[in-house]
Amino acid sequence: LGTKLAKGPKKRCLAQKTFAAACFKGEDKDKDKYKVHLKASKEEKEEDEKDEKEEEDEEDEEDKEDEEDEEDEDKKKKEKASKWQVTRKTEVQNLDGDYLKISMKLDLGGNIWIIALHDHGVLELVKIKVTGSETFEWLGTKLAKGPEKRCLAQKTFAAACFKGEDKGKDKYKVHLKASKEEKEKDEKDEKEDEEDDEDEDKKKNKKASKWQVTHKTELQNPDGHYLKISMKLDLGGDTWIVALYDHEVLEMVKIKITGSATFEWLGTKLAKGPKKRCLTQKTFAAACFKG
């Protein structure tokens, strides 16, 4: 009956719960462009409900086992405090061979750490024993495709997340940056970033902008496609930063608007492994424009 290709779709069209008929819009495509392997049934609802219940039961059992394993391992390891602290400057090699700053880290005690990089929808995990500021013993590497949500945030990242396909020692290389004063250093860096944000925002916002960037503005991604911007920031005086987060990379362009579709280019930055606060409209700030 028809095929559509939507570039930069609305968030509500990306979840089963909120997907609606109105989402069927975009560029028209031919019948054979995206073929369908259909699996339909007149008893689909009952089967789906049964399958979902079985999956939920299995997940609950797995979660329970993971939590028990997690608690046992954490208690055991944390009996001996770690002298070396992995810093957020540590990098892991991604699938493309690029080195990106780690997304999560976990201290298991005794200088044993799990460091993780979430990139291209895959979670790369490396377990190491830190022996110096840039030296370590490799203990294992895992590659998790379709990882659990709790394994993608520092706050909920746990020992049980270290699972997936086993990989060799040199598959995902690590550039370790460890310190015995990591916590204090991290707090200092964050404070300096916040101060930079405030200073730059105050300076730029002295002169109000007449032109406002709309959410319909698009940026070209590395594949050559135009996608709607993820974030925008008014620096005052019609100067704006527009940003697109795509393929784990933050593309940012600074412009001065001169008309409804015209502008002066002021600069472009590409940030690999950007800070979390630079990935949401609410916390996106002038200090994010770096890379």
Protein backbone atom coordinates (compact mmCIF):
# COMPACT_ATOMS: atom_id res chain seq x y z
CA LEU A 1 0.00 0.00 0.00
CA GLY A 2 2.97 2.32 0.34
CA THR A 3 6.49 2.91 1.72
CA LYS A 4 7.87 6.00 3.49
CA LEU A 5 11.39 6.94 4.64
CA ALA A 6 11.47 9.42 7.51
CA LYS A 7 14.75 11.16 8.25
CA GLY A 8 14.89 12.68 11.73
CA PRO A 9 11.59 11.17 12.94
CA LYS A 10 9.78 12.36 16.06
CA LYS A 11 10.64 10.60 19.31
CA ARG A 12 7.06 9.36 19.75
CA CYS A 13 7.45 7.45 16.48
CA LEU A 14 10.42 5.48 17.82
CA ALA A 15 8.63 3.62 20.62
CA GLN A 16 5.97 0.91 20.29
CA LYS A 17 3.86 2.50 23.01
CA THR A 18 3.52 5.89 21.26
CA PHE A 19 3.80 4.83 17.60
CA ALA A 20 0.71 6.05 15.70
CA ALA A 21 -0.78 6.32 12.20
CA ALA A 22 0.42 9.92 11.99
CA CYS A 23 4.01 8.61 11.99
CA PHE A 24 3.49 7.26 8.45
CA LYS A 25 5.01 10.20 6.59
CA GLY A 26 8.25 11.10 4.84
CA GLU A 27 9.83 10.47 1.46
CA ASP A 28 7.91 8.06 -0.80
CA LYS A 29 9.80 4.90 -1.77
CA ASP A 30 9.19 2.16 -4.33
CA LYS A 31 7.44 -1.10 -3.49
CA ASP A 32 10.64 -3.17 -3.57
CA LYS A 33 12.92 -0.65 -1.81
CA TYR A 34 12.41 -2.14 1.66
CA LYS A 35 11.11 -5.69 1.45
CA VAL A 36 9.03 -7.23 4.24
CA HIS A 37 9.19 -10.74 5.65
CA LEU A 38 5.73 -10.92 7.22
CA LYS A 39 4.80 -13.18 10.11
CA ALA A 40 1.10 -12.78 10.89
CA SER A 41 -1.47 -14.76 12.85
CA LYS A 42 -5.14 -14.57 13.78
CA GLU A 43 -4.16 -15.60 17.27
CA GLU A 44 -1.30 -13.15 17.47
CA LYS A 45 -2.56 -11.30 20.52
CA GLU A 46 -2.80 -14.38 22.71
CA GLU A 47 0.57 -15.65 21.46
CA ASP A 48 2.21 -12.26 21.99
CA GLU A 49 0.85 -11.98 25.51
CA LYS A 50 2.09 -15.48 26.29
CA ASP A 51 5.51 -14.77 24.80
CA GLU A 52 5.77 -11.46 26.65
CA LYS A 53 4.87 -13.12 29.95
CA GLU A 54 7.48 -15.84 29.40
CA GLU A 55 10.10 -13.25 28.48
CA GLU A 56 9.26 -11.15 31.56
CA ASP A 57 9.55 -14.22 33.79
CA GLU A 58 12.90 -15.10 32.25
CA GLU A 59 14.15 -11.52 32.60
CA ASP A 60 13.03 -11.36 36.25
CA GLU A 61 14.89 -14.61 36.98
CA GLU A 62 17.99 -13.38 35.16
CA ASP A 63 17.87 -10.03 36.94
CA LYS A 64 17.56 -11.77 40.30
CA GLU A 65 20.56 -13.98 39.54
CA ASP A 66 22.54 -11.01 38.23
CA GLU A 67 21.79 -8.96 41.34
CA GLU A 68 22.89 -11.82 43.61
CA ASP A 69 26.09 -12.33 41.60
CA GLU A 70 26.65 -8.59 41.57
CA GLU A 71 26.29 -8.24 45.33
CA ASP A 72 28.61 -11.20 46.01
CA GLU A 73 31.29 -9.93 43.64
CA ASP A 74 31.08 -6.33 44.81
CA LYS A 75 31.26 -7.30 48.49
CA LYS A 76 34.22 -9.57 47.88
CA LYS A 77 36.19 -7.13 45.78
CA LYS A 78 35.48 -4.03 47.85
CA GLU A 79 36.94 -5.61 50.96
CA LYS A 80 40.25 -4.36 49.60
CA ALA A 81 40.07 -0.69 48.59
CA SER A 82 41.56 0.42 45.26
CA LYS A 83 44.54 2.74 45.44
CA TRP A 84 44.40 3.58 41.76
CA GLN A 85 41.36 5.38 40.36
CA VAL A 86 40.49 5.24 36.66
CA THR A 87 39.86 8.78 35.37
CA ARG A 88 37.34 9.92 32.80
CA LYS A 89 40.22 10.69 30.41
CA THR A 90 40.70 6.96 29.83
CA GLU A 91 39.93 5.92 26.25
CA VAL A 92 38.85 2.69 24.57
CA GLN A 93 39.18 1.84 20.89
CA ASN A 94 35.82 1.58 19.12
CA LEU A 95 34.70 -0.56 16.18
CA ASP A 96 36.06 1.99 13.70
CA GLY A 97 39.50 2.01 15.33
CA ASP A 98 39.04 5.44 16.92
CA TYR A 99 39.85 6.07 20.56
CA LEU A 100 36.91 7.52 22.51
CA LYS A 101 36.58 8.50 26.15
CA ILE A 102 34.93 5.82 28.28
CA SER A 103 31.21 6.04 28.98
CA MET A 104 31.20 4.14 32.31
CA LYS A 105 33.64 2.76 34.86
CA LEU A 106 33.31 0.53 37.91
CA ASP A 107 35.71 -0.03 40.79
CA LEU A 108 35.62 -3.67 41.90
CA GLY A 109 38.24 -3.15 44.57
CA GLY A 110 41.87 -4.25 44.71
CA ASN A 111 42.65 -1.91 41.75
CA ILE A 112 40.42 -4.04 39.50
CA TRP A 113 38.15 -2.03 37.23
CA ILE A 114 35.59 -2.51 34.49
CA ILE A 115 35.69 0.25 31.89
CA ALA A 116 33.03 0.53 29.19
CA LEU A 117 32.40 2.36 25.95
CA HIS A 118 28.91 2.59 24.44
CA ASP A 119 29.28 3.25 20.73
CA HIS A 120 27.21 2.41 17.63
CA GLY A 121 24.65 0.65 19.86
CA VAL A 122 27.27 -1.77 21.19
CA LEU A 123 28.77 -1.89 24.68
CA GLU A 124 32.48 -2.66 24.76
CA LEU A 125 33.67 -3.75 28.21
CA VAL A 126 37.22 -4.32 29.38
CA LYS A 127 38.23 -5.62 32.81
CA ILE A 128 41.69 -4.57 33.98
CA LYS A 129 43.90 -4.46 37.05
CA VAL A 130 45.53 -1.04 37.31
CA THR A 131 49.25 -1.11 38.13
CA GLY A 132 50.16 2.50 37.40
CA SER A 133 48.94 5.77 35.92
CA GLU A 134 49.04 4.30 32.40
CA THR A 135 49.77 0.60 33.00
CA PHE A 136 47.50 -2.35 33.72
CA GLU A 137 47.01 -6.09 33.49
CA TRP A 138 44.31 -7.20 31.04
CA LEU A 139 41.72 -9.50 32.63
CA GLY A 140 39.09 -9.82 29.94
CA THR A 141 37.04 -8.15 27.19
CA LYS A 142 33.34 -8.48 26.38
CA LEU A 143 31.21 -7.15 23.55
CA ALA A 144 27.51 -6.74 24.40
CA LYS A 145 25.08 -6.17 21.53
CA GLY A 146 21.74 -4.78 22.71
CA PRO A 147 22.86 -4.14 26.32
CA GLU A 148 20.41 -3.51 29.16
CA LYS A 149 19.49 0.11 29.85
CA ARG A 150 20.91 -0.03 33.36
CA CYS A 151 24.31 -0.85 31.85
CA LEU A 152 24.34 2.38 29.83
CA ALA A 153 24.39 4.87 32.70
CA GLN A 154 27.17 5.44 35.22
CA LYS A 155 24.71 5.55 38.09
CA THR A 156 23.32 2.05 37.45
CA PHE A 157 26.34 0.40 35.83
CA ALA A 158 27.23 -2.75 37.80
CA ALA A 159 29.50 -5.83 37.79
CA ALA A 160 26.70 -7.92 36.23
CA CYS A 161 26.91 -5.76 33.10
CA PHE A 162 30.21 -7.43 32.25
CA LYS A 163 28.76 -10.02 29.92
CA GLY A 164 28.52 -10.70 26.21
CA GLU A 165 30.73 -12.13 23.52
CA ASP A 166 34.31 -12.82 24.62
CA LYS A 167 36.97 -10.87 22.73
CA GLY A 168 40.76 -11.09 22.61
CA LYS A 169 43.22 -8.94 24.53
CA ASP A 170 44.04 -6.66 21.58
CA LYS A 171 40.54 -6.39 20.10
CA TYR A 172 39.67 -3.13 21.88
CA LYS A 173 42.81 -1.43 23.08
CA VAL A 174 42.82 0.83 26.13
CA HIS A 175 44.60 4.14 26.71
CA LEU A 176 44.56 4.19 30.50
CA LYS A 177 44.67 7.39 32.53
CA ALA A 178 44.65 6.55 36.24
CA SER A 179 45.28 8.70 39.29
CA LYS A 180 45.34 8.45 43.05
CA GLU A 181 43.47 11.76 43.22
CA GLU A 182 40.90 11.13 40.46
CA LYS A 183 37.84 12.18 42.46
CA GLU A 184 39.19 15.59 43.38
CA LYS A 185 40.42 16.17 39.83
CA ASP A 186 37.05 15.25 38.29
CA GLU A 187 35.23 17.63 40.62
CA LYS A 188 37.69 20.41 39.77
CA ASP A 189 37.24 19.88 36.01
CA GLU A 190 33.45 19.92 36.32
CA LYS A 191 33.55 23.14 38.37
CA GLU A 192 35.80 24.83 35.78
CA ASP A 193 33.45 23.76 32.97
CA GLU A 194 30.46 25.21 34.83
CA GLU A 195 32.29 28.51 35.37
CA ASP A 196 33.22 28.65 31.66
CA ASP A 197 29.55 28.09 30.80
CA GLU A 198 28.39 30.92 33.02
CA ASP A 199 31.05 33.39 31.81
CA GLU A 200 30.48 32.74 28.11
CA ASP A 201 26.68 32.68 28.39
CA LYS A 202 26.60 35.96 30.33
CA LYS A 203 28.92 37.65 27.86
CA LYS A 204 27.03 36.56 24.75
CA ASN A 205 23.53 37.08 26.09
CA LYS A 206 24.07 40.80 26.74
CA LYS A 207 22.66 41.52 23.29
CA ALA A 208 19.36 39.78 22.59
CA SER A 209 18.93 37.81 19.35
CA LYS A 210 16.27 38.94 16.90
CA TRP A 211 16.43 35.72 14.90
CA GLN A 212 15.48 32.41 16.49
CA VAL A 213 16.66 29.04 15.20
CA THR A 214 13.72 26.65 14.78
CA HIS A 215 13.64 22.89 15.37
CA LYS A 216 13.23 22.41 11.63
CA THR A 217 16.89 23.31 11.06
CA GLU A 218 18.91 20.38 9.70
CA LEU A 219 22.58 19.38 9.73
CA GLN A 220 24.35 17.01 7.38
CA ASN A 221 25.69 13.87 9.11
CA PRO A 222 28.87 11.93 8.11
CA ASP A 223 26.80 9.77 5.75
CA GLY A 224 25.65 12.83 3.83
CA HIS A 225 22.07 12.76 5.15
CA TYR A 226 20.33 15.84 6.53
CA LEU A 227 18.85 15.31 10.01
CA LYS A 228 17.00 17.67 12.30
CA ILE A 229 19.22 19.25 14.95
CA SER A 230 19.35 17.72 18.42
CA MET A 231 20.26 20.88 20.35
CA LYS A 232 20.55 24.63 19.82
CA LEU A 233 21.91 27.49 21.90
CA ASP A 234 21.33 31.24 21.59
CA LEU A 235 24.56 33.11 22.38
CA GLY A 236 22.99 36.50 21.78
CA GLY A 237 23.41 38.95 18.92
CA ASP A 238 21.87 36.42 16.50
CA THR A 239 24.81 34.07 17.12
CA TRP A 240 23.83 30.45 17.66
CA ILE A 241 25.31 27.00 18.12
CA VAL A 242 23.36 24.21 16.42
CA ALA A 243 24.22 20.58 17.16
CA LEU A 244 23.47 17.11 15.86
CA TYR A 245 24.21 13.97 17.89
CA ASP A 246 24.56 11.04 15.49
CA HIS A 247 26.59 7.80 15.56
CA GLU A 248 27.94 8.69 19.03
CA VAL A 249 29.49 11.89 17.63
CA LEU A 250 28.40 15.46 18.38
CA GLU A 251 28.54 17.72 15.33
CA MET A 252 28.34 21.43 16.19
CA VAL A 253 28.23 24.52 14.01
CA LYS A 254 28.40 28.12 15.21
CA ILE A 255 26.60 30.62 12.98
CA LYS A 256 25.37 34.20 12.89
CA ILE A 257 21.88 34.41 11.44
CA THR A 258 21.25 37.04 8.78
CA GLY A 259 17.84 35.89 7.52
CA SER A 260 15.22 33.14 7.63
CA ALA A 261 17.49 30.78 5.67
CA THR A 262 20.82 32.68 5.54
CA PHE A 263 23.73 32.91 7.92
CA GLU A 264 27.44 33.56 8.36
CA TRP A 265 29.52 30.52 9.30
CA LEU A 266 31.65 31.08 12.41
CA GLY A 267 33.05 27.62 13.13
CA THR A 268 32.49 23.85 13.22
CA LYS A 269 33.48 21.32 15.90
CA LEU A 270 33.31 17.51 15.98
CA ALA A 271 33.28 15.97 19.47
CA LYS A 272 33.85 12.22 19.84
CA GLY A 273 32.71 10.91 23.20
CA PRO A 274 31.02 14.18 24.32
CA LYS A 275 29.98 14.83 27.89
CA LYS A 276 26.46 13.73 28.84
CA ARG A 277 25.40 17.28 29.69
CA CYS A 278 26.12 18.25 26.08
CA LEU A 279 23.62 15.73 24.75
CA THR A 280 20.39 17.25 26.07
CA GLN A 281 18.78 20.59 25.25
CA LYS A 282 18.31 21.40 28.93
CA THR A 283 22.02 21.22 29.81
CA PHE A 284 23.62 22.07 26.45
CA ALA A 285 25.92 25.06 26.99
CA ALA A 286 28.52 27.21 25.25
CA ALA A 287 31.34 25.18 26.81
CA CYS A 288 30.13 22.15 24.83
CA PHE A 289 31.44 23.78 21.66
CA LYS A 290 34.78 22.04 21.64
CA GLY A 291 36.39 19.11 19.90
